[in-house]
Amino acid sequence: MLNVLSIITGLIALVIVIPSQIPLLGWGNWFALPLAVVGIVLGALSRSNSGRNLSIVVFLIAVIRLSLGGGII
């Protein structure tokens, strides 16, 4: 059950991260980061690793985009 919740939170964070890749919309990554962290924690508590891995990938995409934009844009 926790793995399903982790996948759902990872997908919600991914839906936020995808449009945030457009210039001047990078602030959306700040909303996706806490969701990705929740997905990572839920995935770590579950037996399966797929939800955790999805959330880690989304988290890394958001962090890399924020570092390229200086944390704001």
PDB file of N, CA and C in Angstrom:
ATOM      1  N   MET A   1       0.807  -1.190   0.000  1.00  0.00           N
ATOM      2  CA  MET A   1       0.000   0.000   0.000  1.00  0.00           C
ATOM      3  C   MET A   1       0.860   1.269   0.000  1.00  0.00           C
ATOM      4  N   LEU A   2       1.944   1.241   0.781  1.00  0.00           N
ATOM      5  CA  LEU A   2       2.820   2.412   0.825  1.00  0.00           C
ATOM      6  C   LEU A   2       3.495   2.659  -0.513  1.00  0.00           C
ATOM      7  N   ASN A   3       3.777   1.580  -1.241  1.00  0.00           N
ATOM      8  CA  ASN A   3       4.406   1.740  -2.554  1.00  0.00           C
ATOM      9  C   ASN A   3       3.450   2.435  -3.523  1.00  0.00           C
ATOM     10  N   VAL A   4       2.179   2.104  -3.454  1.00  0.00           N
ATOM     11  CA  VAL A   4       1.188   2.756  -4.319  1.00  0.00           C
ATOM     12  C   VAL A   4       1.085   4.241  -3.975  1.00  0.00           C
ATOM     13  N   LEU A   5       1.085   4.571  -2.690  1.00  0.00           N
ATOM     14  CA  LEU A   5       1.063   5.977  -2.284  1.00  0.00           C
ATOM     15  C   LEU A   5       2.318   6.707  -2.731  1.00  0.00           C
ATOM     16  N   SER A   6       3.454   6.018  -2.681  1.00  0.00           N
ATOM     17  CA  SER A   6       4.707   6.611  -3.137  1.00  0.00           C
ATOM     18  C   SER A   6       4.677   6.874  -4.634  1.00  0.00           C
ATOM     19  N   ILE A   7       4.137   5.954  -5.395  1.00  0.00           N
ATOM     20  CA  ILE A   7       4.025   6.147  -6.847  1.00  0.00           C
ATOM     21  C   ILE A   7       3.083   7.305  -7.156  1.00  0.00           C
ATOM     22  N   ILE A   8       1.970   7.395  -6.430  1.00  0.00           N
ATOM     23  CA  ILE A   8       1.007   8.469  -6.672  1.00  0.00           C
ATOM     24  C   ILE A   8       1.629   9.832  -6.355  1.00  0.00           C
ATOM     25  N   THR A   9       2.328   9.949  -5.226  1.00  0.00           N
ATOM     26  CA  THR A   9       2.952  11.232  -4.899  1.00  0.00           C
ATOM     27  C   THR A   9       4.081  11.558  -5.882  1.00  0.00           C
ATOM     28  N   GLY A  10       4.789  10.536  -6.347  1.00  0.00           N
ATOM     29  CA  GLY A  10       5.821  10.757  -7.360  1.00  0.00           C
ATOM     30  C   GLY A  10       5.245  11.234  -8.674  1.00  0.00           C
ATOM     31  N   LEU A  11       4.108  10.688  -9.067  1.00  0.00           N
ATOM     32  CA  LEU A  11       3.465  11.123 -10.307  1.00  0.00           C
ATOM     33  C   LEU A  11       2.905  12.540 -10.192  1.00  0.00           C
ATOM     34  N   ILE A  12       2.356  12.871  -9.039  1.00  0.00           N
ATOM     35  CA  ILE A  12       1.862  14.237  -8.835  1.00  0.00           C
ATOM     36  C   ILE A  12       3.023  15.227  -8.899  1.00  0.00           C
ATOM     37  N   ALA A  13       4.138  14.873  -8.268  1.00  0.00           N
ATOM     38  CA  ALA A  13       5.316  15.738  -8.324  1.00  0.00           C
ATOM     39  C   ALA A  13       5.844  15.843  -9.752  1.00  0.00           C
ATOM     40  N   LEU A  14       5.777  14.749 -10.507  1.00  0.00           N
ATOM     41  CA  LEU A  14       6.232  14.773 -11.898  1.00  0.00           C
ATOM     42  C   LEU A  14       5.362  15.681 -12.751  1.00  0.00           C
ATOM     43  N   VAL A  15       4.056  15.667 -12.497  1.00  0.00           N
ATOM     44  CA  VAL A  15       3.145  16.542 -13.239  1.00  0.00           C
ATOM     45  C   VAL A  15       3.464  18.011 -12.947  1.00  0.00           C
ATOM     46  N   ILE A  16       3.930  18.314 -11.749  1.00  0.00           N
ATOM     47  CA  ILE A  16       4.323  19.682 -11.416  1.00  0.00           C
ATOM     48  C   ILE A  16       5.678  20.022 -12.022  1.00  0.00           C
ATOM     49  N   VAL A  17       6.613  19.055 -12.043  1.00  0.00           N
ATOM     50  CA  VAL A  17       7.977  19.307 -12.518  1.00  0.00           C
ATOM     51  C   VAL A  17       8.025  19.504 -14.028  1.00  0.00           C
ATOM     52  N   ILE A  18       7.227  18.799 -14.784  1.00  0.00           N
ATOM     53  CA  ILE A  18       7.304  18.882 -16.245  1.00  0.00           C
ATOM     54  C   ILE A  18       7.055  20.307 -16.757  1.00  0.00           C
ATOM     55  N   PRO A  19       5.980  20.990 -16.376  1.00  0.00           N
ATOM     56  CA  PRO A  19       5.839  22.364 -16.865  1.00  0.00           C
ATOM     57  C   PRO A  19       6.845  23.335 -16.244  1.00  0.00           C
ATOM     58  N   SER A  20       7.426  22.955 -15.113  1.00  0.00           N
ATOM     59  CA  SER A  20       8.394  23.824 -14.455  1.00  0.00           C
ATOM     60  C   SER A  20       9.734  23.865 -15.175  1.00  0.00           C
ATOM     61  N   GLN A  21       9.897  23.093 -16.215  1.00  0.00           N
ATOM     62  CA  GLN A  21      11.124  23.128 -16.991  1.00  0.00           C
ATOM     63  C   GLN A  21      11.150  24.304 -17.958  1.00  0.00           C
ATOM     64  N   ILE A  22       9.995  24.929 -18.173  1.00  0.00           N
ATOM     65  CA  ILE A  22       9.899  26.098 -19.043  1.00  0.00           C
ATOM     66  C   ILE A  22      10.522  27.284 -18.307  1.00  0.00           C
ATOM     67  N   PRO A  23      11.295  28.111 -19.002  1.00  0.00           N
ATOM     68  CA  PRO A  23      11.872  29.292 -18.340  1.00  0.00           C
ATOM     69  C   PRO A  23      10.796  30.166 -17.688  1.00  0.00           C
ATOM     70  N   LEU A  24      11.147  30.739 -16.555  1.00  0.00           N
ATOM     71  CA  LEU A  24      10.297  31.585 -15.717  1.00  0.00           C
ATOM     72  C   LEU A  24       9.201  30.819 -14.981  1.00  0.00           C
ATOM     73  N   LEU A  25       9.168  29.509 -15.109  1.00  0.00           N
ATOM     74  CA  LEU A  25       8.233  28.691 -14.330  1.00  0.00           C
ATOM     75  C   LEU A  25       8.976  27.757 -13.374  1.00  0.00           C
ATOM     76  N   GLY A  26      10.249  28.025 -13.172  1.00  0.00           N
ATOM     77  CA  GLY A  26      11.070  27.169 -12.317  1.00  0.00           C
ATOM     78  C   GLY A  26      10.645  27.171 -10.860  1.00  0.00           C
ATOM     79  N   TRP A  27       9.889  28.188 -10.451  1.00  0.00           N
ATOM     80  CA  TRP A  27       9.413  28.240  -9.077  1.00  0.00           C
ATOM     81  C   TRP A  27       8.497  27.071  -8.754  1.00  0.00           C
ATOM     82  N   GLY A  28       7.924  26.437  -9.769  1.00  0.00           N
ATOM     83  CA  GLY A  28       7.071  25.267  -9.533  1.00  0.00           C
ATOM     84  C   GLY A  28       7.837  24.088  -8.969  1.00  0.00           C
ATOM     85  N   ASN A  29       9.148  24.064  -9.202  1.00  0.00           N
ATOM     86  CA  ASN A  29       9.967  22.986  -8.643  1.00  0.00           C
ATOM     87  C   ASN A  29       9.999  23.037  -7.121  1.00  0.00           C
ATOM     88  N   TRP A  30       9.870  24.230  -6.551  1.00  0.00           N
ATOM     89  CA  TRP A  30       9.852  24.345  -5.094  1.00  0.00           C
ATOM     90  C   TRP A  30       8.610  23.679  -4.508  1.00  0.00           C
ATOM     91  N   PHE A  31       7.522  23.609  -5.270  1.00  0.00           N
ATOM     92  CA  PHE A  31       6.324  22.908  -4.810  1.00  0.00           C
ATOM     93  C   PHE A  31       6.463  21.396  -4.986  1.00  0.00           C
ATOM     94  N   ALA A  32       7.236  20.987  -5.980  1.00  0.00           N
ATOM     95  CA  ALA A  32       7.393  19.567  -6.261  1.00  0.00           C
ATOM     96  C   ALA A  32       8.389  18.896  -5.317  1.00  0.00           C
ATOM     97  N   LEU A  33       9.362  19.641  -4.822  1.00  0.00           N
ATOM     98  CA  LEU A  33      10.383  19.042  -3.955  1.00  0.00           C
ATOM     99  C   LEU A  33       9.806  18.401  -2.691  1.00  0.00           C
ATOM    100  N   PRO A  34       8.927  19.064  -1.935  1.00  0.00           N
ATOM    101  CA  PRO A  34       8.373  18.391  -0.749  1.00  0.00           C
ATOM    102  C   PRO A  34       7.550  17.150  -1.099  1.00  0.00           C
ATOM    103  N   LEU A  35       6.832  17.201  -2.214  1.00  0.00           N
ATOM    104  CA  LEU A  35       6.071  16.014  -2.629  1.00  0.00           C
ATOM    105  C   LEU A  35       6.999  14.860  -2.969  1.00  0.00           C
ATOM    106  N   ALA A  36       8.099  15.168  -3.630  1.00  0.00           N
ATOM    107  CA  ALA A  36       9.051  14.119  -3.972  1.00  0.00           C
ATOM    108  C   ALA A  36       9.688  13.535  -2.711  1.00  0.00           C
ATOM    109  N   VAL A  37       9.956  14.368  -1.731  1.00  0.00           N
ATOM    110  CA  VAL A  37      10.535  13.868  -0.473  1.00  0.00           C
ATOM    111  C   VAL A  37       9.540  12.960   0.245  1.00  0.00           C
ATOM    112  N   VAL A  38       8.267  13.337   0.245  1.00  0.00           N
ATOM    113  CA  VAL A  38       7.241  12.475   0.849  1.00  0.00           C
ATOM    114  C   VAL A  38       7.187  11.139   0.111  1.00  0.00           C
ATOM    115  N   GLY A  39       7.285  11.178  -1.228  1.00  0.00           N
ATOM    116  CA  GLY A  39       7.300   9.939  -2.004  1.00  0.00           C
ATOM    117  C   GLY A  39       8.514   9.081  -1.698  1.00  0.00           C
ATOM    118  N   ILE A  40       9.665   9.719  -1.493  1.00  0.00           N
ATOM    119  CA  ILE A  40      10.873   8.969  -1.147  1.00  0.00           C
ATOM    120  C   ILE A  40      10.724   8.295   0.208  1.00  0.00           C
ATOM    121  N   VAL A  41      10.168   9.016   1.168  1.00  0.00           N
ATOM    122  CA  VAL A  41       9.985   8.443   2.511  1.00  0.00           C
ATOM    123  C   VAL A  41       8.986   7.292   2.470  1.00  0.00           C
ATOM    124  N   LEU A  42       7.866   7.490   1.780  1.00  0.00           N
ATOM    125  CA  LEU A  42       6.878   6.406   1.686  1.00  0.00           C
ATOM    126  C   LEU A  42       7.462   5.196   0.952  1.00  0.00           C
ATOM    127  N   GLY A  43       8.249   5.457  -0.085  1.00  0.00           N
ATOM    128  CA  GLY A  43       8.872   4.358  -0.819  1.00  0.00           C
ATOM    129  C   GLY A  43       9.912   3.623   0.005  1.00  0.00           C
ATOM    130  N   ALA A  44      10.590   4.354   0.891  1.00  0.00           N
ATOM    131  CA  ALA A  44      11.582   3.715   1.757  1.00  0.00           C
ATOM    132  C   ALA A  44      10.916   2.818   2.799  1.00  0.00           C
ATOM    133  N   LEU A  45       9.697   3.167   3.182  1.00  0.00           N
ATOM    134  CA  LEU A  45       8.979   2.363   4.172  1.00  0.00           C
ATOM    135  C   LEU A  45       8.288   1.143   3.561  1.00  0.00           C
ATOM    136  N   SER A  46       8.147   1.111   2.242  1.00  0.00           N
ATOM    137  CA  SER A  46       7.455  -0.010   1.600  1.00  0.00           C
ATOM    138  C   SER A  46       8.435  -1.119   1.247  1.00  0.00           C
ATOM    139  N   ARG A  47       7.890  -2.243   0.822  1.00  0.00           N
ATOM    140  CA  ARG A  47       8.715  -3.390   0.461  1.00  0.00           C
ATOM    141  C   ARG A  47       9.337  -3.235  -0.919  1.00  0.00           C
ATOM    142  N   SER A  48       8.623  -2.621  -1.825  1.00  0.00           N
ATOM    143  CA  SER A  48       9.089  -2.467  -3.196  1.00  0.00           C
ATOM    144  C   SER A  48       9.837  -1.153  -3.358  1.00  0.00           C
ATOM    145  N   ASN A  49      10.668  -1.070  -4.396  1.00  0.00           N
ATOM    146  CA  ASN A  49      11.494   0.112  -4.600  1.00  0.00           C
ATOM    147  C   ASN A  49      11.023   1.003  -5.740  1.00  0.00           C
ATOM    148  N   SER A  50      10.006   0.617  -6.477  1.00  0.00           N
ATOM    149  CA  SER A  50       9.643   1.365  -7.680  1.00  0.00           C
ATOM    150  C   SER A  50       9.144   2.776  -7.367  1.00  0.00           C
ATOM    151  N   GLY A  51       8.325   2.947  -6.361  1.00  0.00           N
ATOM    152  CA  GLY A  51       7.832   4.271  -5.992  1.00  0.00           C
ATOM    153  C   GLY A  51       8.945   5.160  -5.481  1.00  0.00           C
ATOM    154  N   ARG A  52       9.841   4.583  -4.698  1.00  0.00           N
ATOM    155  CA  ARG A  52      10.985   5.339  -4.194  1.00  0.00           C
ATOM    156  C   ARG A  52      11.870   5.798  -5.332  1.00  0.00           C
ATOM    157  N   ASN A  53      12.140   4.899  -6.280  1.00  0.00           N
ATOM    158  CA  ASN A  53      13.001   5.243  -7.403  1.00  0.00           C
ATOM    159  C   ASN A  53      12.387   6.332  -8.269  1.00  0.00           C
ATOM    160  N   LEU A  54      11.077   6.272  -8.505  1.00  0.00           N
ATOM    161  CA  LEU A  54      10.399   7.315  -9.275  1.00  0.00           C
ATOM    162  C   LEU A  54      10.527   8.659  -8.573  1.00  0.00           C
ATOM    163  N   SER A  55      10.312   8.678  -7.280  1.00  0.00           N
ATOM    164  CA  SER A  55      10.393   9.928  -6.533  1.00  0.00           C
ATOM    165  C   SER A  55      11.822  10.472  -6.505  1.00  0.00           C
ATOM    166  N   ILE A  56      12.808   9.600  -6.436  1.00  0.00           N
ATOM    167  CA  ILE A  56      14.201  10.045  -6.468  1.00  0.00           C
ATOM    168  C   ILE A  56      14.522  10.693  -7.804  1.00  0.00           C
ATOM    169  N   VAL A  57      14.049  10.101  -8.893  1.00  0.00           N
ATOM    170  CA  VAL A  57      14.300  10.673 -10.229  1.00  0.00           C
ATOM    171  C   VAL A  57      13.630  12.042 -10.349  1.00  0.00           C
ATOM    172  N   VAL A  58      12.390  12.156  -9.885  1.00  0.00           N
ATOM    173  CA  VAL A  58      11.689  13.443  -9.938  1.00  0.00           C
ATOM    174  C   VAL A  58      12.415  14.468  -9.075  1.00  0.00           C
ATOM    175  N   PHE A  59      12.861  14.069  -7.907  1.00  0.00           N
ATOM    176  CA  PHE A  59      13.597  14.958  -7.014  1.00  0.00           C
ATOM    177  C   PHE A  59      14.882  15.449  -7.670  1.00  0.00           C
ATOM    178  N   LEU A  60      15.620  14.557  -8.302  1.00  0.00           N
ATOM    179  CA  LEU A  60      16.869  14.946  -8.958  1.00  0.00           C
ATOM    180  C   LEU A  60      16.620  15.888 -10.133  1.00  0.00           C
ATOM    181  N   ILE A  61      15.582  15.642 -10.908  1.00  0.00           N
ATOM    182  CA  ILE A  61      15.255  16.537 -12.024  1.00  0.00           C
ATOM    183  C   ILE A  61      14.951  17.936 -11.494  1.00  0.00           C
ATOM    184  N   ALA A  62      14.165  18.023 -10.424  1.00  0.00           N
ATOM    185  CA  ALA A  62      13.808  19.324  -9.861  1.00  0.00           C
ATOM    186  C   ALA A  62      15.036  20.031  -9.286  1.00  0.00           C
ATOM    187  N   VAL A  63      15.906  19.293  -8.605  1.00  0.00           N
ATOM    188  CA  VAL A  63      17.095  19.905  -8.008  1.00  0.00           C
ATOM    189  C   VAL A  63      18.050  20.391  -9.082  1.00  0.00           C
ATOM    190  N   ILE A  64      18.245  19.605 -10.126  1.00  0.00           N
ATOM    191  CA  ILE A  64      19.144  20.016 -11.209  1.00  0.00           C
ATOM    192  C   ILE A  64      18.595  21.252 -11.904  1.00  0.00           C
ATOM    193  N   ARG A  65      17.302  21.286 -12.149  1.00  0.00           N
ATOM    194  CA  ARG A  65      16.697  22.455 -12.804  1.00  0.00           C
ATOM    195  C   ARG A  65      16.816  23.693 -11.930  1.00  0.00           C
ATOM    196  N   LEU A  66      16.612  23.525 -10.622  1.00  0.00           N
ATOM    197  CA  LEU A  66      16.754  24.668  -9.725  1.00  0.00           C
ATOM    198  C   LEU A  66      18.199  25.157  -9.659  1.00  0.00           C
ATOM    199  N   SER A  67      19.154  24.244  -9.684  1.00  0.00           N
ATOM    200  CA  SER A  67      20.553  24.660  -9.623  1.00  0.00           C
ATOM    201  C   SER A  67      20.963  25.361 -10.916  1.00  0.00           C
ATOM    202  N   LEU A  68      20.420  24.970 -12.036  1.00  0.00           N
ATOM    203  CA  LEU A  68      20.737  25.636 -13.296  1.00  0.00           C
ATOM    204  C   LEU A  68      20.110  27.023 -13.368  1.00  0.00           C
ATOM    205  N   GLY A  69      18.971  27.194 -12.754  1.00  0.00           N
ATOM    206  CA  GLY A  69      18.279  28.474 -12.784  1.00  0.00           C
ATOM    207  C   GLY A  69      18.637  29.381 -11.619  1.00  0.00           C
ATOM    208  N   GLY A  70      19.560  28.969 -10.787  1.00  0.00           N
ATOM    209  CA  GLY A  70      19.945  29.801  -9.651  1.00  0.00           C
ATOM    210  C   GLY A  70      18.978  29.721  -8.492  1.00  0.00           C
ATOM    211  N   GLY A  71      18.079  28.776  -8.492  1.00  0.00           N
ATOM    212  CA  GLY A  71      17.138  28.592  -7.385  1.00  0.00           C
ATOM    213  C   GLY A  71      15.857  29.384  -7.513  1.00  0.00           C
ATOM    214  N   ILE A  72      15.772  30.242  -8.495  1.00  0.00           N
ATOM    215  CA  ILE A  72      14.579  31.089  -8.602  1.00  0.00           C
ATOM    216  C   ILE A  72      13.835  30.814  -9.898  1.00  0.00           C
ATOM    217  N   ILE A  73      14.510  31.002 -11.008  1.00  0.00           N
ATOM    218  CA  ILE A  73      13.840  30.868 -12.301  1.00  0.00           C
ATOM    219  C   ILE A  73      14.130  29.528 -12.804  1.00  0.00           C
TER     220      ILE A  73
END
